[in-house]
Amino acid sequence: AGLLVPGREHGTGYRVYGPADVRDARVVRTLRRSHHLFEQIRPVLEDLRRAGSSEALRTAVEARGRALTARARSMLAGAGALHAYLE
């Protein structure tokens, strides 16, 4: 997905990860665990890199929370309707 772009060590070509790269990897891991798509993660990382701001991260997490809440409510309503139908 190309979200992380580590530097390279001259001579060996080994990847070199600095503190910002480690932070970015942790952000990616956290957002992927909550089922964010790579296309949704990219702008969050760009915002962190550009301004050092976590506002995009906060916005993404809040939006995901709202989506999960809506889905949970829908599932509960469906379960309630199914239960009522079966009785």
Protein backbone atom coordinates (compact mmCIF):
# COMPACT_ATOMS: atom_id res chain seq x y z
CA ALA A 1 0.00 0.00 0.00
CA GLY A 2 3.07 2.24 0.28
CA LEU A 3 2.04 3.92 3.51
CA LEU A 4 5.51 3.68 5.05
CA VAL A 5 8.55 4.89 3.14
CA PRO A 6 11.63 4.21 5.26
CA GLY A 7 15.03 5.60 4.47
CA ARG A 8 17.81 3.37 3.17
CA GLU A 9 21.24 2.80 4.65
CA HIS A 10 23.95 3.68 2.17
CA GLY A 11 26.05 0.72 1.20
CA THR A 12 23.79 -2.07 2.43
CA GLY A 13 20.43 -0.75 1.28
CA TYR A 14 18.84 -1.85 4.55
CA ARG A 15 15.69 -0.04 5.53
CA VAL A 16 16.14 2.52 8.30
CA TYR A 17 13.12 3.43 10.43
CA GLY A 18 13.24 6.64 12.43
CA PRO A 19 10.91 7.67 15.27
CA ALA A 20 8.36 9.19 12.85
CA ASP A 21 8.32 5.94 10.83
CA VAL A 22 7.67 3.92 13.99
CA ARG A 23 4.84 6.30 14.94
CA ASP A 24 3.35 5.95 11.46
CA ALA A 25 3.56 2.14 11.66
CA ARG A 26 1.74 2.19 14.99
CA VAL A 27 -0.97 4.45 13.58
CA VAL A 28 -1.40 2.15 10.57
CA ARG A 29 -1.60 -0.93 12.80
CA THR A 30 -4.14 0.71 15.11
CA LEU A 31 -6.36 1.90 12.27
CA ARG A 32 -6.14 -1.43 10.40
CA ARG A 33 -7.21 -3.26 13.58
CA SER A 34 -10.37 -1.18 13.53
CA HIS A 35 -10.90 -2.09 9.87
CA HIS A 36 -9.93 1.21 8.26
CA LEU A 37 -9.02 0.91 4.60
CA PHE A 38 -5.60 1.97 3.34
CA GLU A 39 -7.28 4.79 1.37
CA GLN A 40 -8.67 6.09 4.67
CA ILE A 41 -5.33 5.81 6.47
CA ARG A 42 -3.25 7.66 3.88
CA PRO A 43 -4.73 11.16 4.57
CA VAL A 44 -4.32 10.61 8.31
CA LEU A 45 -0.61 9.88 7.86
CA GLU A 46 -0.20 12.82 5.49
CA ASP A 47 -1.73 15.13 8.09
CA LEU A 48 0.53 13.76 10.83
CA ARG A 49 3.61 14.17 8.64
CA ARG A 50 2.71 17.63 7.36
CA ALA A 51 1.60 19.35 10.52
CA GLY A 52 2.41 16.92 13.29
CA SER A 53 -1.30 17.18 14.02
CA SER A 54 -3.39 14.32 15.27
CA GLU A 55 -6.64 15.99 14.18
CA ALA A 56 -7.08 13.72 11.15
CA LEU A 57 -6.47 10.70 13.36
CA ARG A 58 -9.02 11.92 15.87
CA THR A 59 -11.53 12.56 13.07
CA ALA A 60 -10.97 9.09 11.58
CA VAL A 61 -11.38 7.35 14.93
CA GLU A 62 -14.52 9.32 15.77
CA ALA A 63 -16.04 8.58 12.36
CA ARG A 64 -15.30 4.88 12.76
CA GLY A 65 -16.88 4.95 16.23
CA ARG A 66 -20.04 6.52 14.82
CA ALA A 67 -20.18 3.94 12.03
CA LEU A 68 -19.74 1.06 14.48
CA THR A 69 -22.42 2.47 16.77
CA ALA A 70 -24.85 2.78 13.86
CA ARG A 71 -24.09 -0.77 12.76
CA ALA A 72 -24.56 -2.13 16.29
CA ARG A 73 -27.91 -0.36 16.61
CA SER A 74 -29.02 -1.72 13.26
CA MET A 75 -28.03 -5.24 14.27
CA LEU A 76 -29.89 -4.91 17.58
CA ALA A 77 -32.99 -3.65 15.80
CA GLY A 78 -32.80 -6.57 13.38
CA ALA A 79 -32.38 -9.06 16.22
CA GLY A 80 -35.35 -7.51 18.01
CA ALA A 81 -37.51 -7.71 14.89
CA LEU A 82 -36.50 -11.33 14.33
CA HIS A 83 -37.27 -12.18 17.95
CA ALA A 84 -40.71 -10.52 17.69
CA TYR A 85 -41.41 -12.39 14.46
CA LEU A 86 -40.52 -15.74 16.00
CA GLU A 87 -42.79 -15.28 19.01
